[in-house]
Amino acid sequence: WMFRGFGRAAHIGLQFNLVPLNTIFGYIF
């Protein structure tokens, strides 16, 4: 699921979030 499922395919560039609660609050707000 984490590496192949849900139609995952390699994308260009590294994507990451190192700011705690950034994504969680983004969904909630």
PDB file of all heavy atoms in Angstrom:
ATOM      1  N   TRP A   1       0.827  -1.211   0.000  1.00  0.00           N
ATOM      2  CA  TRP A   1       0.000   0.000   0.000  1.00  0.00           C
ATOM      3  C   TRP A   1       0.860   1.259   0.000  1.00  0.00           C
ATOM      4  O   TRP A   1       0.561   2.232  -0.669  1.00  0.00           O
ATOM      5  CB  TRP A   1      -0.927   0.044   1.196  1.00  0.00           C
ATOM      6  CG  TRP A   1      -2.016  -0.972   1.198  1.00  0.00           C
ATOM      7  CD1 TRP A   1      -2.609  -1.567   0.128  1.00  0.00           C
ATOM      8  CD2 TRP A   1      -2.652  -1.513   2.346  1.00  0.00           C
ATOM      9  NE1 TRP A   1      -3.567  -2.451   0.543  1.00  0.00           N
ATOM     10  CE2 TRP A   1      -3.620  -2.437   1.908  1.00  0.00           C
ATOM     11  CE3 TRP A   1      -2.497  -1.315   3.718  1.00  0.00           C
ATOM     12  CZ2 TRP A   1      -4.429  -3.151   2.779  1.00  0.00           C
ATOM     13  CZ3 TRP A   1      -3.313  -2.030   4.586  1.00  0.00           C
ATOM     14  CH2 TRP A   1      -4.262  -2.929   4.117  1.00  0.00           C
ATOM     15  N   MET A   2       1.928   1.235   0.791  1.00  0.00           N
ATOM     16  CA  MET A   2       2.753   2.432   0.934  1.00  0.00           C
ATOM     17  C   MET A   2       3.607   2.726  -0.293  1.00  0.00           C
ATOM     18  O   MET A   2       3.944   3.883  -0.542  1.00  0.00           O
ATOM     19  CB  MET A   2       3.662   2.307   2.165  1.00  0.00           C
ATOM     20  CG  MET A   2       2.923   2.411   3.483  1.00  0.00           C
ATOM     21  SD  MET A   2       4.029   2.346   4.889  1.00  0.00           S
ATOM     22  CE  MET A   2       4.742   3.982   4.815  1.00  0.00           C
ATOM     23  N   PHE A   3       3.969   1.681  -1.051  1.00  0.00           N
ATOM     24  CA  PHE A   3       4.910   1.889  -2.150  1.00  0.00           C
ATOM     25  C   PHE A   3       4.338   1.647  -3.543  1.00  0.00           C
ATOM     26  O   PHE A   3       4.900   2.131  -4.514  1.00  0.00           O
ATOM     27  CB  PHE A   3       6.160   1.026  -1.940  1.00  0.00           C
ATOM     28  CG  PHE A   3       6.957   1.456  -0.745  1.00  0.00           C
ATOM     29  CD1 PHE A   3       6.773   0.854   0.487  1.00  0.00           C
ATOM     30  CD2 PHE A   3       7.872   2.490  -0.852  1.00  0.00           C
ATOM     31  CE1 PHE A   3       7.494   1.266   1.602  1.00  0.00           C
ATOM     32  CE2 PHE A   3       8.600   2.908   0.252  1.00  0.00           C
ATOM     33  CZ  PHE A   3       8.407   2.297   1.483  1.00  0.00           C
ATOM     34  N   ARG A   4       3.255   0.884  -3.644  1.00  0.00           N
ATOM     35  CA  ARG A   4       2.707   0.581  -4.964  1.00  0.00           C
ATOM     36  C   ARG A   4       1.200   0.799  -5.055  1.00  0.00           C
ATOM     37  O   ARG A   4       0.683   1.070  -6.134  1.00  0.00           O
ATOM     38  CB  ARG A   4       3.010  -0.881  -5.352  1.00  0.00           C
ATOM     39  CG  ARG A   4       4.473  -1.222  -5.429  1.00  0.00           C
ATOM     40  CD  ARG A   4       5.219  -0.593  -6.567  1.00  0.00           C
ATOM     41  NE  ARG A   4       4.658  -1.084  -7.835  1.00  0.00           N
ATOM     42  CZ  ARG A   4       4.734  -0.431  -8.968  1.00  0.00           C
ATOM     43  NH1 ARG A   4       5.339   0.706  -9.030  1.00  0.00           N
ATOM     44  NH2 ARG A   4       4.216  -0.915 -10.066  1.00  0.00           N
ATOM     45  N   GLY A   5       0.498   0.634  -3.967  1.00  0.00           N
ATOM     46  CA  GLY A   5      -0.958   0.694  -3.974  1.00  0.00           C
ATOM     47  C   GLY A   5      -1.513   2.080  -4.235  1.00  0.00           C
ATOM     48  O   GLY A   5      -0.779   3.075  -4.267  1.00  0.00           O
ATOM     49  N   PHE A   6      -2.806   2.132  -4.442  1.00  0.00           N
ATOM     50  CA  PHE A   6      -3.526   3.384  -4.661  1.00  0.00           C
ATOM     51  C   PHE A   6      -3.007   4.139  -5.887  1.00  0.00           C
ATOM     52  O   PHE A   6      -2.984   5.366  -5.910  1.00  0.00           O
ATOM     53  CB  PHE A   6      -3.474   4.291  -3.420  1.00  0.00           C
ATOM     54  CG  PHE A   6      -3.920   3.606  -2.160  1.00  0.00           C
ATOM     55  CD1 PHE A   6      -3.005   3.265  -1.174  1.00  0.00           C
ATOM     56  CD2 PHE A   6      -5.244   3.258  -1.969  1.00  0.00           C
ATOM     57  CE1 PHE A   6      -3.403   2.622  -0.021  1.00  0.00           C
ATOM     58  CE2 PHE A   6      -5.655   2.609  -0.823  1.00  0.00           C
ATOM     59  CZ  PHE A   6      -4.738   2.290   0.158  1.00  0.00           C
ATOM     60  N   GLY A   7      -2.547   3.388  -6.890  1.00  0.00           N
ATOM     61  CA  GLY A   7      -2.082   3.999  -8.129  1.00  0.00           C
ATOM     62  C   GLY A   7      -0.786   4.786  -7.997  1.00  0.00           C
ATOM     63  O   GLY A   7      -0.514   5.681  -8.794  1.00  0.00           O
ATOM     64  N   ARG A   8       0.017   4.455  -6.999  1.00  0.00           N
ATOM     65  CA  ARG A   8       1.275   5.191  -6.803  1.00  0.00           C
ATOM     66  C   ARG A   8       2.213   4.965  -7.982  1.00  0.00           C
ATOM     67  O   ARG A   8       2.373   3.855  -8.458  1.00  0.00           O
ATOM     68  CB  ARG A   8       1.971   4.745  -5.528  1.00  0.00           C
ATOM     69  CG  ARG A   8       1.267   5.186  -4.273  1.00  0.00           C
ATOM     70  CD  ARG A   8       2.101   4.809  -3.056  1.00  0.00           C
ATOM     71  NE  ARG A   8       1.316   4.925  -1.846  1.00  0.00           N
ATOM     72  CZ  ARG A   8       1.287   6.015  -1.089  1.00  0.00           C
ATOM     73  NH1 ARG A   8       1.990   7.058  -1.417  1.00  0.00           N
ATOM     74  NH2 ARG A   8       0.548   6.039  -0.008  1.00  0.00           N
ATOM     75  N   ALA A   9       2.836   6.011  -8.388  1.00  0.00           N
ATOM     76  CA  ALA A   9       3.877   5.957  -9.411  1.00  0.00           C
ATOM     77  C   ALA A   9       4.951   6.956  -9.009  1.00  0.00           C
ATOM     78  O   ALA A   9       4.674   7.925  -8.302  1.00  0.00           O
ATOM     79  CB  ALA A   9       3.291   6.307 -10.773  1.00  0.00           C
ATOM     80  N   ALA A  10       6.155   6.710  -9.435  1.00  0.00           N
ATOM     81  CA  ALA A  10       7.248   7.617  -9.091  1.00  0.00           C
ATOM     82  C   ALA A  10       6.959   9.013  -9.646  1.00  0.00           C
ATOM     83  O   ALA A  10       6.451   9.159 -10.748  1.00  0.00           O
ATOM     84  CB  ALA A  10       8.567   7.085  -9.638  1.00  0.00           C
ATOM     85  N   HIS A  11       7.242  10.017  -8.839  1.00  0.00           N
ATOM     86  CA  HIS A  11       7.063  11.397  -9.271  1.00  0.00           C
ATOM     87  C   HIS A  11       8.414  12.095  -9.279  1.00  0.00           C
ATOM     88  O   HIS A  11       9.403  11.584  -8.766  1.00  0.00           O
ATOM     89  CB  HIS A  11       6.059  12.142  -8.375  1.00  0.00           C
ATOM     90  CG  HIS A  11       6.306  11.971  -6.909  1.00  0.00           C
ATOM     91  ND1 HIS A  11       7.295  12.631  -6.232  1.00  0.00           N
ATOM     92  CD2 HIS A  11       5.681  11.187  -5.989  1.00  0.00           C
ATOM     93  CE1 HIS A  11       7.278  12.284  -4.962  1.00  0.00           C
ATOM     94  NE2 HIS A  11       6.312  11.402  -4.781  1.00  0.00           N
ATOM     95  N   ILE A  12       8.441  13.243  -9.870  1.00  0.00           N
ATOM     96  CA  ILE A  12       9.691  13.995  -9.993  1.00  0.00           C
ATOM     97  C   ILE A  12       9.922  14.789  -8.715  1.00  0.00           C
ATOM     98  O   ILE A  12       9.014  15.417  -8.189  1.00  0.00           O
ATOM     99  CB  ILE A  12       9.638  14.932 -11.212  1.00  0.00           C
ATOM    100  CG1 ILE A  12       9.498  14.091 -12.477  1.00  0.00           C
ATOM    101  CG2 ILE A  12      10.872  15.827 -11.278  1.00  0.00           C
ATOM    102  CD1 ILE A  12       9.238  14.898 -13.726  1.00  0.00           C
ATOM    103  N   GLY A  13      11.126  14.742  -8.239  1.00  0.00           N
ATOM    104  CA  GLY A  13      11.493  15.538  -7.068  1.00  0.00           C
ATOM    105  C   GLY A  13      11.111  14.865  -5.762  1.00  0.00           C
ATOM    106  O   GLY A  13      10.234  14.012  -5.706  1.00  0.00           O
ATOM    107  N   LEU A  14      11.806  15.275  -4.713  1.00  0.00           N
ATOM    108  CA  LEU A  14      11.526  14.756  -3.379  1.00  0.00           C
ATOM    109  C   LEU A  14      10.404  15.574  -2.756  1.00  0.00           C
ATOM    110  O   LEU A  14      10.445  16.794  -2.769  1.00  0.00           O
ATOM    111  CB  LEU A  14      12.780  14.839  -2.507  1.00  0.00           C
ATOM    112  CG  LEU A  14      14.013  14.080  -3.000  1.00  0.00           C
ATOM    113  CD1 LEU A  14      15.175  14.294  -2.051  1.00  0.00           C
ATOM    114  CD2 LEU A  14      13.712  12.612  -3.170  1.00  0.00           C
ATOM    115  N   GLN A  15       9.423  14.884  -2.205  1.00  0.00           N
ATOM    116  CA  GLN A  15       8.311  15.565  -1.553  1.00  0.00           C
ATOM    117  C   GLN A  15       8.253  15.119  -0.101  1.00  0.00           C
ATOM    118  O   GLN A  15       8.184  13.922   0.182  1.00  0.00           O
ATOM    119  CB  GLN A  15       6.997  15.232  -2.270  1.00  0.00           C
ATOM    120  CG  GLN A  15       6.972  15.714  -3.705  1.00  0.00           C
ATOM    121  CD  GLN A  15       5.663  15.397  -4.390  1.00  0.00           C
ATOM    122  OE1 GLN A  15       4.704  14.952  -3.781  1.00  0.00           O
ATOM    123  NE2 GLN A  15       5.617  15.632  -5.686  1.00  0.00           N
ATOM    124  N   PHE A  16       8.275  16.110   0.798  1.00  0.00           N
ATOM    125  CA  PHE A  16       8.236  15.783   2.215  1.00  0.00           C
ATOM    126  C   PHE A  16       7.715  16.966   3.021  1.00  0.00           C
ATOM    127  O   PHE A  16       7.720  18.095   2.560  1.00  0.00           O
ATOM    128  CB  PHE A  16       9.619  15.365   2.726  1.00  0.00           C
ATOM    129  CG  PHE A  16      10.707  16.365   2.443  1.00  0.00           C
ATOM    130  CD1 PHE A  16      10.991  17.376   3.345  1.00  0.00           C
ATOM    131  CD2 PHE A  16      11.441  16.292   1.269  1.00  0.00           C
ATOM    132  CE1 PHE A  16      11.976  18.308   3.086  1.00  0.00           C
ATOM    133  CE2 PHE A  16      12.446  17.215   1.002  1.00  0.00           C
ATOM    134  CZ  PHE A  16      12.714  18.222   1.912  1.00  0.00           C
ATOM    135  N   ASN A  17       7.246  16.651   4.224  1.00  0.00           N
ATOM    136  CA  ASN A  17       6.802  17.657   5.184  1.00  0.00           C
ATOM    137  C   ASN A  17       7.467  17.339   6.513  1.00  0.00           C
ATOM    138  O   ASN A  17       7.243  16.254   7.070  1.00  0.00           O
ATOM    139  CB  ASN A  17       5.282  17.648   5.349  1.00  0.00           C
ATOM    140  CG  ASN A  17       4.854  18.455   6.560  1.00  0.00           C
ATOM    141  OD1 ASN A  17       5.333  19.555   6.788  1.00  0.00           O
ATOM    142  ND2 ASN A  17       3.964  17.890   7.358  1.00  0.00           N
ATOM    143  N   LEU A  18       8.256  18.252   7.016  1.00  0.00           N
ATOM    144  CA  LEU A  18       8.927  18.058   8.300  1.00  0.00           C
ATOM    145  C   LEU A  18       8.336  18.945   9.395  1.00  0.00           C
ATOM    146  O   LEU A  18       8.866  18.982  10.508  1.00  0.00           O
ATOM    147  CB  LEU A  18      10.428  18.331   8.157  1.00  0.00           C
ATOM    148  CG  LEU A  18      11.173  17.414   7.179  1.00  0.00           C
ATOM    149  CD1 LEU A  18      12.635  17.843   7.053  1.00  0.00           C
ATOM    150  CD2 LEU A  18      11.068  15.966   7.606  1.00  0.00           C
ATOM    151  N   VAL A  19       7.247  19.649   9.087  1.00  0.00           N
ATOM    152  CA  VAL A  19       6.616  20.546  10.060  1.00  0.00           C
ATOM    153  C   VAL A  19       5.490  19.789  10.765  1.00  0.00           C
ATOM    154  O   VAL A  19       4.468  19.481  10.148  1.00  0.00           O
ATOM    155  CB  VAL A  19       6.069  21.815   9.368  1.00  0.00           C
ATOM    156  CG1 VAL A  19       5.416  22.737  10.386  1.00  0.00           C
ATOM    157  CG2 VAL A  19       7.165  22.531   8.593  1.00  0.00           C
ATOM    158  N   PRO A  20       5.672  19.472  12.053  1.00  0.00           N
ATOM    159  CA  PRO A  20       4.636  18.718  12.767  1.00  0.00           C
ATOM    160  C   PRO A  20       3.282  19.425  12.745  1.00  0.00           C
ATOM    161  O   PRO A  20       3.193  20.647  12.894  1.00  0.00           O
ATOM    162  CB  PRO A  20       5.179  18.634  14.197  1.00  0.00           C
ATOM    163  CG  PRO A  20       6.652  18.820  14.057  1.00  0.00           C
ATOM    164  CD  PRO A  20       6.828  19.755  12.894  1.00  0.00           C
ATOM    165  N   LEU A  21       2.243  18.668  12.511  1.00  0.00           N
ATOM    166  CA  LEU A  21       0.835  19.065  12.501  1.00  0.00           C
ATOM    167  C   LEU A  21       0.442  19.905  11.284  1.00  0.00           C
ATOM    168  O   LEU A  21      -0.718  20.278  11.160  1.00  0.00           O
ATOM    169  CB  LEU A  21       0.444  19.772  13.801  1.00  0.00           C
ATOM    170  CG  LEU A  21       0.752  19.004  15.086  1.00  0.00           C
ATOM    171  CD1 LEU A  21       0.396  19.840  16.304  1.00  0.00           C
ATOM    172  CD2 LEU A  21       0.042  17.678  15.113  1.00  0.00           C
ATOM    173  N   ASN A  22       1.358  20.183  10.387  1.00  0.00           N
ATOM    174  CA  ASN A  22       1.062  20.979   9.198  1.00  0.00           C
ATOM    175  C   ASN A  22      -0.009  20.312   8.329  1.00  0.00           C
ATOM    176  O   ASN A  22      -0.995  20.938   7.952  1.00  0.00           O
ATOM    177  CB  ASN A  22       2.350  21.212   8.398  1.00  0.00           C
ATOM    178  CG  ASN A  22       2.153  22.169   7.250  1.00  0.00           C
ATOM    179  OD1 ASN A  22       1.602  23.246   7.432  1.00  0.00           O
ATOM    180  ND2 ASN A  22       2.601  21.777   6.077  1.00  0.00           N
ATOM    181  N   THR A  23       0.191  19.064   7.995  1.00  0.00           N
ATOM    182  CA  THR A  23      -0.768  18.346   7.152  1.00  0.00           C
ATOM    183  C   THR A  23      -2.077  18.104   7.903  1.00  0.00           C
ATOM    184  O   THR A  23      -3.163  18.285   7.340  1.00  0.00           O
ATOM    185  CB  THR A  23      -0.167  16.997   6.693  1.00  0.00           C
ATOM    186  OG1 THR A  23       1.075  17.250   6.024  1.00  0.00           O
ATOM    187  CG2 THR A  23      -1.102  16.255   5.764  1.00  0.00           C
ATOM    188  N   ILE A  24      -1.978  17.721   9.161  1.00  0.00           N
ATOM    189  CA  ILE A  24      -3.180  17.446   9.969  1.00  0.00           C
ATOM    190  C   ILE A  24      -4.050  18.694  10.048  1.00  0.00           C
ATOM    191  O   ILE A  24      -5.252  18.638   9.766  1.00  0.00           O
ATOM    192  CB  ILE A  24      -2.788  16.942  11.377  1.00  0.00           C
ATOM    193  CG1 ILE A  24      -2.092  15.582  11.280  1.00  0.00           C
ATOM    194  CG2 ILE A  24      -4.017  16.860  12.282  1.00  0.00           C
ATOM    195  CD1 ILE A  24      -1.447  15.111  12.569  1.00  0.00           C
ATOM    196  N   PHE A  25      -3.452  19.821  10.428  1.00  0.00           N
ATOM    197  CA  PHE A  25      -4.227  21.065  10.516  1.00  0.00           C
ATOM    198  C   PHE A  25      -4.727  21.507   9.142  1.00  0.00           C
ATOM    199  O   PHE A  25      -5.811  22.078   9.026  1.00  0.00           O
ATOM    200  CB  PHE A  25      -3.411  22.180  11.165  1.00  0.00           C
ATOM    201  CG  PHE A  25      -3.255  22.022  12.658  1.00  0.00           C
ATOM    202  CD1 PHE A  25      -2.173  22.580  13.307  1.00  0.00           C
ATOM    203  CD2 PHE A  25      -4.184  21.319  13.417  1.00  0.00           C
ATOM    204  CE1 PHE A  25      -2.014  22.451  14.685  1.00  0.00           C
ATOM    205  CE2 PHE A  25      -4.036  21.179  14.787  1.00  0.00           C
ATOM    206  CZ  PHE A  25      -2.947  21.740  15.420  1.00  0.00           C
ATOM    207  N   GLY A  26      -3.948  21.250   8.103  1.00  0.00           N
ATOM    208  CA  GLY A  26      -4.391  21.578   6.750  1.00  0.00           C
ATOM    209  C   GLY A  26      -5.683  20.863   6.408  1.00  0.00           C
ATOM    210  O   GLY A  26      -6.614  21.455   5.849  1.00  0.00           O
ATOM    211  N   TYR A  27      -5.767  19.591   6.755  1.00  0.00           N
ATOM    212  CA  TYR A  27      -7.005  18.838   6.520  1.00  0.00           C
ATOM    213  C   TYR A  27      -8.155  19.382   7.366  1.00  0.00           C
ATOM    214  O   TYR A  27      -9.266  19.555   6.877  1.00  0.00           O
ATOM    215  CB  TYR A  27      -6.809  17.350   6.839  1.00  0.00           C
ATOM    216  CG  TYR A  27      -6.176  16.571   5.730  1.00  0.00           C
ATOM    217  CD1 TYR A  27      -4.959  15.925   5.927  1.00  0.00           C
ATOM    218  CD2 TYR A  27      -6.784  16.445   4.485  1.00  0.00           C
ATOM    219  CE1 TYR A  27      -4.373  15.192   4.909  1.00  0.00           C
ATOM    220  CE2 TYR A  27      -6.201  15.716   3.466  1.00  0.00           C
ATOM    221  CZ  TYR A  27      -5.002  15.087   3.685  1.00  0.00           C
ATOM    222  OH  TYR A  27      -4.425  14.365   2.678  1.00  0.00           O
ATOM    223  N   ILE A  28      -7.879  19.650   8.628  1.00  0.00           N
ATOM    224  CA  ILE A  28      -8.938  20.078   9.548  1.00  0.00           C
ATOM    225  C   ILE A  28      -9.446  21.478   9.204  1.00  0.00           C
ATOM    226  O   ILE A  28     -10.648  21.711   9.124  1.00  0.00           O
ATOM    227  CB  ILE A  28      -8.445  20.011  11.009  1.00  0.00           C
ATOM    228  CG1 ILE A  28      -8.219  18.546  11.408  1.00  0.00           C
ATOM    229  CG2 ILE A  28      -9.435  20.681  11.957  1.00  0.00           C
ATOM    230  CD1 ILE A  28      -7.504  18.354  12.727  1.00  0.00           C
ATOM    231  N   PHE A  29      -8.533  22.430   8.987  1.00  0.00           N
ATOM    232  CA  PHE A  29      -8.938  23.817   8.754  1.00  0.00           C
ATOM    233  C   PHE A  29      -9.515  24.054   7.362  1.00  0.00           C
ATOM    234  O   PHE A  29     -10.189  25.054   7.135  1.00  0.00           O
ATOM    235  CB  PHE A  29      -7.781  24.778   9.029  1.00  0.00           C
ATOM    236  CG  PHE A  29      -7.378  24.820  10.477  1.00  0.00           C
ATOM    237  CD1 PHE A  29      -6.049  24.826  10.843  1.00  0.00           C
ATOM    238  CD2 PHE A  29      -8.337  24.835  11.491  1.00  0.00           C
ATOM    239  CE1 PHE A  29      -5.675  24.859  12.185  1.00  0.00           C
ATOM    240  CE2 PHE A  29      -7.971  24.870  12.827  1.00  0.00           C
ATOM    241  CZ  PHE A  29      -6.640  24.880  13.179  1.00  0.00           C
TER     242      PHE A  29
END
